[in-house]
């Protein structure tokens, strides 16, 4: 493989990146080849590793950098970062056991995070619904025993208010959990690919 075919393959594997990031990455590697000189092309290719390996590192780095520098960490931004890290893992030239580990890691991470989010959301909804039920129960027994009715309505208002107050806190916790999970997944991926390149696997 020569420099031109290496860079062409690298461009193909980085096509999911924004145009300016793609151009910057290719310019960096073109300059790297130029500094080494034409006679050292094969040595440079050997040092860099395959285009798949380089592309997977660039994709994962971009996903993490984009998350860290973004002031508004929206759900769309988080999903985009997760997609890029998954693409990085799937495009990396990992050995079969390592690839299986990476895929298992993604699924287990996803299952844990989704379960955690569902548990938190279900708890908040249960608190809110419990408060609403207590208020309705209070109104239904108002004519039969007004002190108990007032107690039910009071407790219902407090619990409903607590549920409403918890919604924004829960939203922040969920966003932060997703961001931390994506960053952790990216760091684990970097460790795995570094070990693969060193021949530890």
N, C-alpha and C. Protein backbone atom coordinates (compact mmCIF):
# COMPACT_ATOMS: atom_id res chain seq x y z
N UNK A 1 0.85 -1.19 0.00
CA UNK A 1 0.00 0.00 0.00
C UNK A 1 0.89 1.25 0.00
N UNK A 2 0.56 2.21 -0.87
CA UNK A 2 1.31 3.46 -0.89
C UNK A 2 0.51 4.57 -0.21
N UNK A 3 1.14 5.74 -0.16
CA UNK A 3 0.54 6.90 0.53
C UNK A 3 -0.84 7.26 -0.02
N UNK A 4 -0.97 7.31 -1.36
CA UNK A 4 -2.24 7.73 -1.98
C UNK A 4 -3.37 6.77 -1.62
N UNK A 5 -3.12 5.47 -1.72
CA UNK A 5 -4.18 4.50 -1.41
C UNK A 5 -4.49 4.49 0.09
N UNK A 6 -3.48 4.71 0.92
CA UNK A 6 -3.69 4.78 2.38
C UNK A 6 -4.63 5.94 2.71
N UNK A 7 -4.32 7.12 2.17
CA UNK A 7 -5.14 8.31 2.45
C UNK A 7 -6.54 8.19 1.85
N UNK A 8 -6.64 7.51 0.70
CA UNK A 8 -7.95 7.30 0.08
C UNK A 8 -8.82 6.40 0.96
N UNK A 9 -8.22 5.33 1.47
CA UNK A 9 -8.96 4.44 2.38
C UNK A 9 -9.35 5.16 3.66
N UNK A 10 -8.43 5.97 4.17
CA UNK A 10 -8.70 6.73 5.40
C UNK A 10 -9.87 7.68 5.19
N UNK A 11 -9.87 8.36 4.04
CA UNK A 11 -10.98 9.29 3.72
C UNK A 11 -12.31 8.54 3.69
N UNK A 12 -12.32 7.37 3.07
CA UNK A 12 -13.56 6.58 2.99
C UNK A 12 -14.08 6.18 4.36
N UNK A 13 -13.17 5.85 5.26
CA UNK A 13 -13.59 5.41 6.60
C UNK A 13 -13.99 6.58 7.50
N UNK A 14 -13.59 7.80 7.12
CA UNK A 14 -13.93 8.98 7.93
C UNK A 14 -15.08 9.79 7.33
N UNK A 15 -15.78 9.23 6.35
CA UNK A 15 -16.81 10.00 5.65
C UNK A 15 -17.95 10.47 6.56
N UNK A 16 -18.12 9.85 7.73
CA UNK A 16 -19.19 10.25 8.65
C UNK A 16 -18.84 11.53 9.43
N UNK A 17 -17.59 11.93 9.40
CA UNK A 17 -17.19 13.14 10.12
C UNK A 17 -17.69 14.38 9.40
N UNK A 18 -17.87 15.51 10.13
CA UNK A 18 -18.16 16.78 9.45
C UNK A 18 -17.02 17.12 8.49
N UNK A 19 -17.33 17.83 7.40
CA UNK A 19 -16.36 18.10 6.33
C UNK A 19 -15.08 18.75 6.85
N UNK A 20 -15.21 19.74 7.75
CA UNK A 20 -14.01 20.45 8.23
C UNK A 20 -13.12 19.53 9.08
N UNK A 21 -13.74 18.62 9.85
CA UNK A 21 -12.96 17.67 10.65
C UNK A 21 -12.27 16.64 9.76
N UNK A 22 -12.97 16.20 8.73
CA UNK A 22 -12.40 15.25 7.78
C UNK A 22 -11.19 15.87 7.07
N UNK A 23 -11.36 17.10 6.60
CA UNK A 23 -10.25 17.79 5.91
C UNK A 23 -9.06 18.01 6.83
N UNK A 24 -9.33 18.37 8.10
CA UNK A 24 -8.25 18.60 9.06
C UNK A 24 -7.48 17.31 9.34
N UNK A 25 -8.20 16.20 9.50
CA UNK A 25 -7.55 14.91 9.78
C UNK A 25 -6.69 14.48 8.60
N UNK A 26 -7.22 14.61 7.38
CA UNK A 26 -6.46 14.20 6.20
C UNK A 26 -5.24 15.11 5.97
N UNK A 27 -5.42 16.42 6.23
CA UNK A 27 -4.30 17.35 6.09
C UNK A 27 -3.18 16.99 7.06
N UNK A 28 -3.55 16.57 8.28
CA UNK A 28 -2.55 16.19 9.28
C UNK A 28 -1.74 14.99 8.79
N UNK A 29 -2.42 13.96 8.28
CA UNK A 29 -1.72 12.75 7.84
C UNK A 29 -0.96 12.97 6.53
N UNK A 30 -1.46 13.84 5.66
CA UNK A 30 -0.71 14.19 4.44
C UNK A 30 0.61 14.87 4.81
N UNK A 31 0.53 15.81 5.78
CA UNK A 31 1.72 16.50 6.25
C UNK A 31 2.70 15.52 6.91
N UNK A 32 2.13 14.55 7.64
CA UNK A 32 2.95 13.52 8.31
C UNK A 32 3.75 12.73 7.28
N UNK A 33 3.09 12.36 6.18
CA UNK A 33 3.77 11.63 5.10
C UNK A 33 4.83 12.51 4.43
N UNK A 34 4.49 13.78 4.21
CA UNK A 34 5.42 14.70 3.54
C UNK A 34 6.69 14.90 4.37
N UNK A 35 6.52 15.06 5.67
CA UNK A 35 7.68 15.26 6.55
C UNK A 35 8.59 14.03 6.57
N UNK A 36 7.99 12.85 6.48
CA UNK A 36 8.77 11.61 6.50
C UNK A 36 9.54 11.40 5.20
N UNK A 37 8.98 11.93 4.12
CA UNK A 37 9.63 11.76 2.82
C UNK A 37 9.10 10.55 2.08
N UNK A 38 9.19 10.60 0.75
CA UNK A 38 8.64 9.55 -0.09
C UNK A 38 9.31 8.19 0.15
N UNK A 39 10.63 8.24 0.48
CA UNK A 39 11.37 6.99 0.69
C UNK A 39 10.96 6.26 1.97
N UNK A 40 10.27 6.97 2.89
CA UNK A 40 9.87 6.38 4.17
C UNK A 40 8.37 6.07 4.26
N UNK A 41 7.69 6.06 3.12
CA UNK A 41 6.23 5.84 3.11
C UNK A 41 5.83 4.55 3.82
N UNK A 42 6.51 3.46 3.48
CA UNK A 42 6.15 2.15 4.05
C UNK A 42 6.41 2.10 5.56
N UNK A 43 7.45 2.79 5.99
CA UNK A 43 7.77 2.85 7.43
C UNK A 43 6.68 3.62 8.18
N UNK A 44 6.24 4.74 7.56
CA UNK A 44 5.17 5.55 8.17
C UNK A 44 3.89 4.74 8.27
N UNK A 45 3.54 4.02 7.20
CA UNK A 45 2.32 3.20 7.20
C UNK A 45 2.40 2.13 8.28
N UNK A 46 3.58 1.55 8.43
CA UNK A 46 3.78 0.53 9.47
C UNK A 46 3.62 1.13 10.87
N UNK A 47 4.14 2.35 11.06
CA UNK A 47 4.03 3.02 12.38
C UNK A 47 2.58 3.40 12.69
N UNK A 48 1.89 3.91 11.69
CA UNK A 48 0.51 4.37 11.91
C UNK A 48 -0.46 3.22 12.15
N UNK A 49 -0.23 2.11 11.49
CA UNK A 49 -1.20 1.02 11.53
C UNK A 49 -2.14 1.16 10.35
N UNK A 50 -3.11 0.28 10.27
CA UNK A 50 -4.02 0.28 9.12
C UNK A 50 -4.91 1.52 9.12
N UNK A 51 -5.44 1.89 7.92
CA UNK A 51 -6.39 3.01 7.87
C UNK A 51 -7.59 2.81 8.80
N UNK A 52 -8.02 1.55 8.97
CA UNK A 52 -9.15 1.26 9.87
C UNK A 52 -8.81 1.63 11.31
N UNK A 53 -7.58 1.28 11.72
CA UNK A 53 -7.15 1.59 13.10
C UNK A 53 -7.11 3.11 13.32
N UNK A 54 -6.48 3.82 12.37
CA UNK A 54 -6.37 5.29 12.49
C UNK A 54 -7.76 5.92 12.49
N UNK A 55 -8.64 5.45 11.57
CA UNK A 55 -10.00 6.01 11.48
C UNK A 55 -10.78 5.79 12.76
N UNK A 56 -10.64 4.60 13.36
CA UNK A 56 -11.39 4.31 14.59
C UNK A 56 -10.96 5.23 15.73
N UNK A 57 -9.65 5.51 15.79
CA UNK A 57 -9.15 6.44 16.82
C UNK A 57 -9.66 7.86 16.59
N UNK A 58 -9.65 8.29 15.33
CA UNK A 58 -10.11 9.65 15.00
C UNK A 58 -11.60 9.80 15.31
N UNK A 59 -12.41 8.80 14.94
CA UNK A 59 -13.85 8.86 15.20
C UNK A 59 -14.15 8.93 16.70
N UNK A 60 -13.46 8.09 17.48
CA UNK A 60 -13.68 8.08 18.93
C UNK A 60 -13.22 9.40 19.55
N UNK A 61 -12.05 9.90 19.12
CA UNK A 61 -11.54 11.19 19.63
C UNK A 61 -12.51 12.32 19.34
N UNK A 62 -13.04 12.33 18.10
CA UNK A 62 -13.97 13.40 17.72
C UNK A 62 -15.24 13.34 18.56
N UNK A 63 -15.77 12.13 18.77
CA UNK A 63 -16.99 11.98 19.56
C UNK A 63 -16.80 12.51 20.98
N UNK A 64 -15.66 12.17 21.60
CA UNK A 64 -15.39 12.62 22.97
C UNK A 64 -15.13 14.12 23.03
N UNK A 65 -14.36 14.63 22.07
CA UNK A 65 -14.05 16.07 22.03
C UNK A 65 -15.32 16.88 21.82
N UNK A 66 -16.17 16.39 20.94
CA UNK A 66 -17.43 17.08 20.65
C UNK A 66 -18.31 17.15 21.88
N UNK A 67 -18.34 16.07 22.67
CA UNK A 67 -19.12 16.06 23.91
C UNK A 67 -18.54 17.03 24.94
N UNK A 68 -17.20 17.04 25.07
CA UNK A 68 -16.55 17.86 26.10
C UNK A 68 -16.64 19.35 25.80
N UNK A 69 -16.54 19.73 24.50
CA UNK A 69 -16.52 21.14 24.15
C UNK A 69 -17.90 21.74 23.94
N UNK A 70 -18.90 20.88 23.79
CA UNK A 70 -20.25 21.38 23.55
C UNK A 70 -20.86 21.94 24.82
N UNK A 71 -21.38 23.18 24.73
CA UNK A 71 -22.01 23.80 25.91
C UNK A 71 -23.41 23.25 26.12
N UNK A 72 -24.10 22.96 25.04
CA UNK A 72 -25.46 22.40 25.15
C UNK A 72 -25.41 20.93 24.79
N UNK A 73 -25.32 20.08 25.80
CA UNK A 73 -25.22 18.64 25.56
C UNK A 73 -26.62 18.07 25.38
N UNK A 74 -27.13 18.24 24.16
CA UNK A 74 -28.49 17.79 23.87
C UNK A 74 -28.53 16.28 23.68
N UNK A 75 -29.75 15.76 23.66
CA UNK A 75 -29.93 14.33 23.42
C UNK A 75 -29.41 13.97 22.03
N UNK A 76 -29.65 14.85 21.05
CA UNK A 76 -29.17 14.61 19.69
C UNK A 76 -27.66 14.51 19.65
N UNK A 77 -26.98 15.40 20.39
CA UNK A 77 -25.52 15.41 20.46
C UNK A 77 -25.01 14.12 21.12
N UNK A 78 -25.67 13.69 22.20
CA UNK A 78 -25.28 12.46 22.89
C UNK A 78 -25.45 11.24 21.97
N UNK A 79 -26.57 11.19 21.26
CA UNK A 79 -26.83 10.07 20.36
C UNK A 79 -25.82 10.05 19.22
N UNK A 80 -25.45 11.24 18.73
CA UNK A 80 -24.44 11.33 17.67
C UNK A 80 -23.09 10.82 18.16
N UNK A 81 -22.73 11.17 19.40
CA UNK A 81 -21.46 10.71 19.97
C UNK A 81 -21.47 9.19 20.15
N UNK A 82 -22.59 8.65 20.64
CA UNK A 82 -22.70 7.19 20.81
C UNK A 82 -22.56 6.50 19.46
N UNK A 83 -23.22 7.05 18.43
CA UNK A 83 -23.16 6.46 17.09
C UNK A 83 -21.73 6.46 16.56
N UNK A 84 -21.00 7.57 16.76
CA UNK A 84 -19.62 7.65 16.29
C UNK A 84 -18.71 6.66 17.02
N UNK A 85 -18.91 6.50 18.32
CA UNK A 85 -18.08 5.55 19.07
C UNK A 85 -18.38 4.12 18.63
N UNK A 86 -19.65 3.81 18.39
CA UNK A 86 -20.01 2.47 17.90
C UNK A 86 -19.39 2.24 16.53
N UNK A 87 -19.44 3.27 15.65
CA UNK A 87 -18.80 3.17 14.34
C UNK A 87 -17.29 2.95 14.48
N UNK A 88 -16.69 3.67 15.44
CA UNK A 88 -15.25 3.53 15.68
C UNK A 88 -14.91 2.10 16.09
N UNK A 89 -15.72 1.54 16.99
CA UNK A 89 -15.47 0.17 17.46
C UNK A 89 -15.64 -0.83 16.31
N UNK A 90 -16.70 -0.64 15.52
CA UNK A 90 -16.96 -1.59 14.44
C UNK A 90 -15.95 -1.46 13.30
N UNK A 91 -15.37 -0.27 13.12
CA UNK A 91 -14.39 -0.10 12.04
C UNK A 91 -12.97 -0.43 12.48
N UNK A 92 -12.76 -0.58 13.79
CA UNK A 92 -11.42 -0.89 14.29
C UNK A 92 -11.03 -2.31 13.92
N UNK A 93 -9.76 -2.50 13.56
CA UNK A 93 -9.31 -3.85 13.20
C UNK A 93 -9.01 -4.68 14.46
N UNK A 94 -10.06 -5.00 15.20
CA UNK A 94 -9.89 -5.75 16.46
C UNK A 94 -9.90 -7.25 16.18
N UNK A 95 -9.21 -7.99 17.03
CA UNK A 95 -9.26 -9.45 16.93
C UNK A 95 -10.67 -9.89 17.30
N UNK A 96 -11.04 -11.11 16.90
CA UNK A 96 -12.40 -11.60 17.14
C UNK A 96 -12.80 -11.59 18.62
N UNK A 97 -11.94 -12.09 19.54
CA UNK A 97 -12.31 -12.03 20.96
C UNK A 97 -12.49 -10.60 21.47
N UNK A 98 -11.62 -9.70 20.97
CA UNK A 98 -11.69 -8.31 21.41
C UNK A 98 -12.93 -7.63 20.85
N UNK A 99 -13.26 -7.94 19.60
CA UNK A 99 -14.47 -7.38 18.99
C UNK A 99 -15.71 -7.87 19.73
N UNK A 100 -15.73 -9.16 20.08
CA UNK A 100 -16.85 -9.72 20.85
C UNK A 100 -16.97 -9.03 22.20
N UNK A 101 -15.80 -8.77 22.84
CA UNK A 101 -15.80 -8.06 24.13
C UNK A 101 -16.35 -6.65 23.96
N UNK A 102 -15.92 -5.96 22.89
CA UNK A 102 -16.39 -4.59 22.64
C UNK A 102 -17.90 -4.55 22.43
N UNK A 103 -18.42 -5.49 21.63
CA UNK A 103 -19.86 -5.53 21.36
C UNK A 103 -20.63 -5.86 22.64
N UNK A 104 -20.12 -6.82 23.41
CA UNK A 104 -20.76 -7.17 24.69
C UNK A 104 -20.76 -5.98 25.64
N UNK A 105 -19.66 -5.22 25.61
CA UNK A 105 -19.53 -4.02 26.46
C UNK A 105 -20.57 -2.98 26.09
N UNK A 106 -20.75 -2.76 24.78
CA UNK A 106 -21.75 -1.78 24.32
C UNK A 106 -23.14 -2.20 24.79
N UNK A 107 -23.49 -3.48 24.58
CA UNK A 107 -24.82 -3.94 24.95
C UNK A 107 -25.04 -3.89 26.46
N UNK A 108 -24.02 -4.30 27.23
CA UNK A 108 -24.20 -4.28 28.69
C UNK A 108 -24.28 -2.86 29.22
N UNK A 109 -23.45 -1.97 28.67
CA UNK A 109 -23.51 -0.55 29.04
C UNK A 109 -24.90 0.01 28.74
N UNK A 110 -25.36 -0.28 27.51
CA UNK A 110 -26.68 0.21 27.10
C UNK A 110 -27.79 -0.31 27.99
N UNK A 111 -27.74 -1.61 28.31
CA UNK A 111 -28.78 -2.22 29.14
C UNK A 111 -28.80 -1.61 30.53
N UNK A 112 -27.61 -1.40 31.11
CA UNK A 112 -27.52 -0.81 32.46
C UNK A 112 -28.07 0.61 32.45
N UNK A 113 -27.65 1.42 31.47
CA UNK A 113 -28.08 2.82 31.41
C UNK A 113 -29.58 2.92 31.18
N UNK A 114 -30.10 2.13 30.24
CA UNK A 114 -31.54 2.18 29.95
C UNK A 114 -32.34 1.73 31.17
N UNK A 115 -31.87 0.67 31.86
CA UNK A 115 -32.57 0.21 33.07
C UNK A 115 -32.57 1.27 34.15
N UNK A 116 -31.42 1.94 34.30
CA UNK A 116 -31.31 3.00 35.30
C UNK A 116 -32.26 4.15 34.99
N UNK A 117 -32.29 4.55 33.72
CA UNK A 117 -33.18 5.65 33.31
C UNK A 117 -34.64 5.27 33.54
N UNK A 118 -35.03 4.05 33.13
CA UNK A 118 -36.42 3.61 33.33
C UNK A 118 -36.78 3.56 34.82
N UNK A 119 -35.84 3.08 35.64
CA UNK A 119 -36.11 3.00 37.08
C UNK A 119 -36.33 4.38 37.69
N UNK A 120 -35.48 5.34 37.30
CA UNK A 120 -35.61 6.71 37.84
C UNK A 120 -36.91 7.34 37.38
N UNK A 121 -37.19 7.22 36.06
CA UNK A 121 -38.42 7.83 35.52
C UNK A 121 -39.66 7.18 36.15
N UNK A 122 -39.65 5.86 36.30
CA UNK A 122 -40.79 5.15 36.90
C UNK A 122 -41.02 5.59 38.34
N UNK A 123 -39.93 5.80 39.08
CA UNK A 123 -40.04 6.25 40.48
C UNK A 123 -40.69 7.63 40.56
N UNK A 124 -40.23 8.55 39.71
CA UNK A 124 -40.78 9.91 39.73
C UNK A 124 -42.25 9.90 39.31
N UNK A 125 -42.57 9.14 38.27
CA UNK A 125 -43.97 9.06 37.82
C UNK A 125 -44.85 8.44 38.91
N UNK A 126 -44.33 7.43 39.61
CA UNK A 126 -45.08 6.80 40.70
C UNK A 126 -45.36 7.78 41.83
N UNK A 127 -44.35 8.58 42.16
CA UNK A 127 -44.54 9.60 43.22
C UNK A 127 -45.62 10.59 42.81
N UNK A 128 -45.51 11.08 41.57
CA UNK A 128 -46.48 12.05 41.06
C UNK A 128 -47.89 11.45 41.02
N UNK A 129 -47.99 10.22 40.49
CA UNK A 129 -49.30 9.56 40.38
C UNK A 129 -49.89 9.27 41.75
N UNK A 130 -49.02 8.89 42.71
CA UNK A 130 -49.49 8.64 44.08
C UNK A 130 -50.09 9.89 44.70
N UNK A 131 -49.46 11.04 44.44
CA UNK A 131 -49.98 12.31 44.93
C UNK A 131 -51.32 12.65 44.34
N UNK A 132 -51.46 12.44 43.03
CA UNK A 132 -52.74 12.73 42.35
C UNK A 132 -53.84 11.82 42.89
N UNK A 133 -53.53 10.54 43.09
CA UNK A 133 -54.51 9.58 43.62
C UNK A 133 -54.94 10.00 45.04
N UNK A 134 -53.99 10.45 45.85
CA UNK A 134 -54.32 10.88 47.22
C UNK A 134 -55.24 12.10 47.20
N UNK A 135 -55.00 13.05 46.29
CA UNK A 135 -55.86 14.24 46.18
C UNK A 135 -57.28 13.83 45.77
N UNK A 136 -57.37 12.96 44.76
CA UNK A 136 -58.70 12.51 44.29
C UNK A 136 -59.43 11.75 45.40
N UNK A 137 -58.69 10.90 46.13
CA UNK A 137 -59.30 10.15 47.24
C UNK A 137 -59.82 11.10 48.31
N UNK A 138 -59.07 12.16 48.58
CA UNK A 138 -59.50 13.16 49.55
C UNK A 138 -60.81 13.82 49.15
N UNK A 139 -60.93 14.16 47.85
CA UNK A 139 -62.18 14.77 47.38
C UNK A 139 -63.35 13.79 47.47
N UNK A 140 -63.08 12.51 47.22
CA UNK A 140 -64.16 11.52 47.23
C UNK A 140 -64.72 11.26 48.63
N UNK A 141 -63.88 11.39 49.66
CA UNK A 141 -64.37 11.12 51.03
C UNK A 141 -64.62 12.42 51.82
N UNK A 142 -64.61 13.54 51.11
CA UNK A 142 -64.79 14.85 51.77
C UNK A 142 -66.11 14.92 52.53
N UNK A 143 -67.18 14.42 51.98
CA UNK A 143 -68.50 14.51 52.63
C UNK A 143 -68.65 13.48 53.76
N UNK A 144 -67.86 12.40 53.73
CA UNK A 144 -67.99 11.36 54.75
C UNK A 144 -67.18 11.67 56.00
N UNK A 145 -65.92 12.08 55.83
CA UNK A 145 -65.07 12.37 56.99
C UNK A 145 -64.05 13.43 56.56
N UNK A 146 -64.42 14.71 56.81
CA UNK A 146 -63.61 15.80 56.26
C UNK A 146 -62.18 15.87 56.82
N UNK A 147 -61.89 15.52 58.12
CA UNK A 147 -60.48 15.58 58.56
C UNK A 147 -59.59 14.60 57.78
N UNK A 148 -60.09 13.39 57.53
CA UNK A 148 -59.31 12.41 56.76
C UNK A 148 -59.15 12.89 55.32
N UNK A 149 -60.23 13.49 54.79
CA UNK A 149 -60.17 14.01 53.42
C UNK A 149 -59.10 15.09 53.31
N UNK A 150 -59.06 16.02 54.30
CA UNK A 150 -58.04 17.08 54.27
C UNK A 150 -56.63 16.51 54.39
N UNK A 151 -56.50 15.47 55.22
CA UNK A 151 -55.19 14.81 55.36
C UNK A 151 -54.76 14.21 54.02
N UNK A 152 -55.66 13.50 53.36
CA UNK A 152 -55.35 12.90 52.06
C UNK A 152 -54.97 13.97 51.03
N UNK A 153 -55.77 15.06 51.01
CA UNK A 153 -55.49 16.12 50.03
C UNK A 153 -54.16 16.82 50.32
N UNK A 154 -53.88 17.04 51.60
CA UNK A 154 -52.61 17.67 51.99
C UNK A 154 -51.41 16.82 51.60
N UNK A 155 -51.50 15.54 51.97
CA UNK A 155 -50.40 14.61 51.61
C UNK A 155 -50.28 14.51 50.09
N UNK A 156 -51.43 14.46 49.40
CA UNK A 156 -51.42 14.38 47.93
C UNK A 156 -50.75 15.58 47.30
N UNK A 157 -51.06 16.80 47.82
CA UNK A 157 -50.43 18.02 47.28
C UNK A 157 -48.92 18.01 47.51
N UNK A 158 -48.50 17.58 48.70
CA UNK A 158 -47.06 17.53 49.01
C UNK A 158 -46.35 16.55 48.08
N UNK A 159 -46.92 15.34 47.93
CA UNK A 159 -46.29 14.30 47.11
C UNK A 159 -46.29 14.70 45.63
N UNK A 160 -47.40 15.30 45.16
CA UNK A 160 -47.46 15.77 43.76
C UNK A 160 -46.43 16.86 43.52
N UNK A 161 -46.32 17.79 44.47
CA UNK A 161 -45.32 18.86 44.36
C UNK A 161 -43.91 18.30 44.32
N UNK A 162 -43.66 17.29 45.14
CA UNK A 162 -42.34 16.63 45.15
C UNK A 162 -42.06 15.99 43.79
N UNK A 163 -43.08 15.34 43.23
CA UNK A 163 -42.92 14.72 41.90
C UNK A 163 -42.59 15.75 40.84
N UNK A 164 -43.28 16.90 40.86
CA UNK A 164 -43.04 17.97 39.89
C UNK A 164 -41.62 18.54 40.06
N UNK A 165 -41.19 18.73 41.33
CA UNK A 165 -39.84 19.25 41.59
C UNK A 165 -38.75 18.28 41.14
N UNK A 166 -39.04 16.98 41.19
CA UNK A 166 -38.04 15.98 40.83
C UNK A 166 -37.82 15.86 39.32
N UNK A 167 -38.81 16.26 38.50
CA UNK A 167 -38.68 16.11 37.05
C UNK A 167 -37.43 16.77 36.48
N UNK A 168 -37.16 18.08 36.75
CA UNK A 168 -35.95 18.69 36.17
C UNK A 168 -34.65 18.07 36.70
N UNK A 169 -34.67 17.67 37.99
CA UNK A 169 -33.48 17.03 38.58
C UNK A 169 -33.21 15.71 37.87
N UNK A 170 -34.26 14.94 37.66
CA UNK A 170 -34.13 13.65 36.99
C UNK A 170 -33.63 13.84 35.55
N UNK A 171 -34.16 14.85 34.86
CA UNK A 171 -33.71 15.13 33.48
C UNK A 171 -32.22 15.41 33.45
N UNK A 172 -31.72 16.22 34.41
CA UNK A 172 -30.28 16.52 34.48
C UNK A 172 -29.46 15.26 34.77
N UNK A 173 -29.94 14.45 35.70
CA UNK A 173 -29.24 13.21 36.07
C UNK A 173 -29.14 12.28 34.86
N UNK A 174 -30.24 12.15 34.12
CA UNK A 174 -30.24 11.28 32.94
C UNK A 174 -29.25 11.78 31.89
N UNK A 175 -29.26 13.10 31.62
CA UNK A 175 -28.33 13.66 30.64
C UNK A 175 -26.89 13.43 31.06
N UNK A 176 -26.61 13.68 32.34
CA UNK A 176 -25.24 13.51 32.85
C UNK A 176 -24.82 12.04 32.78
N UNK A 177 -25.74 11.13 33.09
CA UNK A 177 -25.45 9.69 33.03
C UNK A 177 -25.09 9.27 31.62
N UNK A 178 -25.84 9.77 30.63
CA UNK A 178 -25.57 9.43 29.23
C UNK A 178 -24.20 9.96 28.81
N UNK A 179 -23.89 11.22 29.17
CA UNK A 179 -22.61 11.83 28.80
C UNK A 179 -21.45 11.06 29.42
N UNK A 180 -21.55 10.76 30.71
CA UNK A 180 -20.48 10.01 31.41
C UNK A 180 -20.33 8.62 30.79
N UNK A 181 -21.44 7.98 30.43
CA UNK A 181 -21.39 6.65 29.83
C UNK A 181 -20.67 6.67 28.48
N UNK A 182 -20.99 7.68 27.67
CA UNK A 182 -20.35 7.81 26.36
C UNK A 182 -18.86 8.05 26.52
N UNK A 183 -18.48 8.95 27.44
CA UNK A 183 -17.06 9.23 27.67
C UNK A 183 -16.33 7.98 28.17
N UNK A 184 -16.95 7.24 29.08
CA UNK A 184 -16.33 6.02 29.61
C UNK A 184 -16.16 4.98 28.52
N UNK A 185 -17.18 4.84 27.68
CA UNK A 185 -17.11 3.90 26.57
C UNK A 185 -15.98 4.27 25.62
N UNK A 186 -15.83 5.56 25.34
CA UNK A 186 -14.75 6.03 24.48
C UNK A 186 -13.37 5.74 25.06
N UNK A 187 -13.21 5.98 26.37
CA UNK A 187 -11.92 5.72 27.01
C UNK A 187 -11.58 4.23 27.02
N UNK A 188 -12.59 3.40 27.29
CA UNK A 188 -12.37 1.95 27.26
C UNK A 188 -11.98 1.49 25.87
N UNK A 189 -12.61 2.08 24.87
CA UNK A 189 -12.28 1.74 23.48
C UNK A 189 -10.83 2.09 23.18
N UNK A 190 -10.38 3.28 23.63
CA UNK A 190 -8.99 3.68 23.41
C UNK A 190 -8.02 2.68 24.05
N UNK A 191 -8.33 2.26 25.27
CA UNK A 191 -7.46 1.29 25.96
C UNK A 191 -7.40 -0.03 25.19
N UNK A 192 -8.57 -0.48 24.73
CA UNK A 192 -8.62 -1.74 24.00
C UNK A 192 -7.82 -1.68 22.71
N UNK A 193 -7.95 -0.59 21.95
CA UNK A 193 -7.24 -0.50 20.68
C UNK A 193 -5.74 -0.32 20.89
N UNK A 194 -5.35 0.36 21.96
CA UNK A 194 -3.91 0.51 22.26
C UNK A 194 -3.30 -0.85 22.59
N UNK A 195 -4.01 -1.64 23.40
CA UNK A 195 -3.52 -2.97 23.75
C UNK A 195 -3.44 -3.86 22.50
N UNK A 196 -4.45 -3.71 21.62
CA UNK A 196 -4.46 -4.51 20.38
C UNK A 196 -3.26 -4.17 19.53
N UNK A 197 -2.93 -2.87 19.44
CA UNK A 197 -1.81 -2.45 18.59
C UNK A 197 -0.49 -2.92 19.17
N UNK A 198 -0.39 -2.95 20.51
CA UNK A 198 0.85 -3.41 21.14
C UNK A 198 1.01 -4.93 21.07
N UNK A 199 -0.10 -5.60 20.69
CA UNK A 199 -0.03 -7.06 20.57
C UNK A 199 -0.29 -7.80 21.86
N UNK A 200 -0.99 -7.12 22.80
CA UNK A 200 -1.30 -7.77 24.06
C UNK A 200 -2.41 -8.80 23.93
N UNK A 201 -3.20 -8.66 22.83
CA UNK A 201 -4.31 -9.60 22.65
C UNK A 201 -3.98 -10.53 21.50
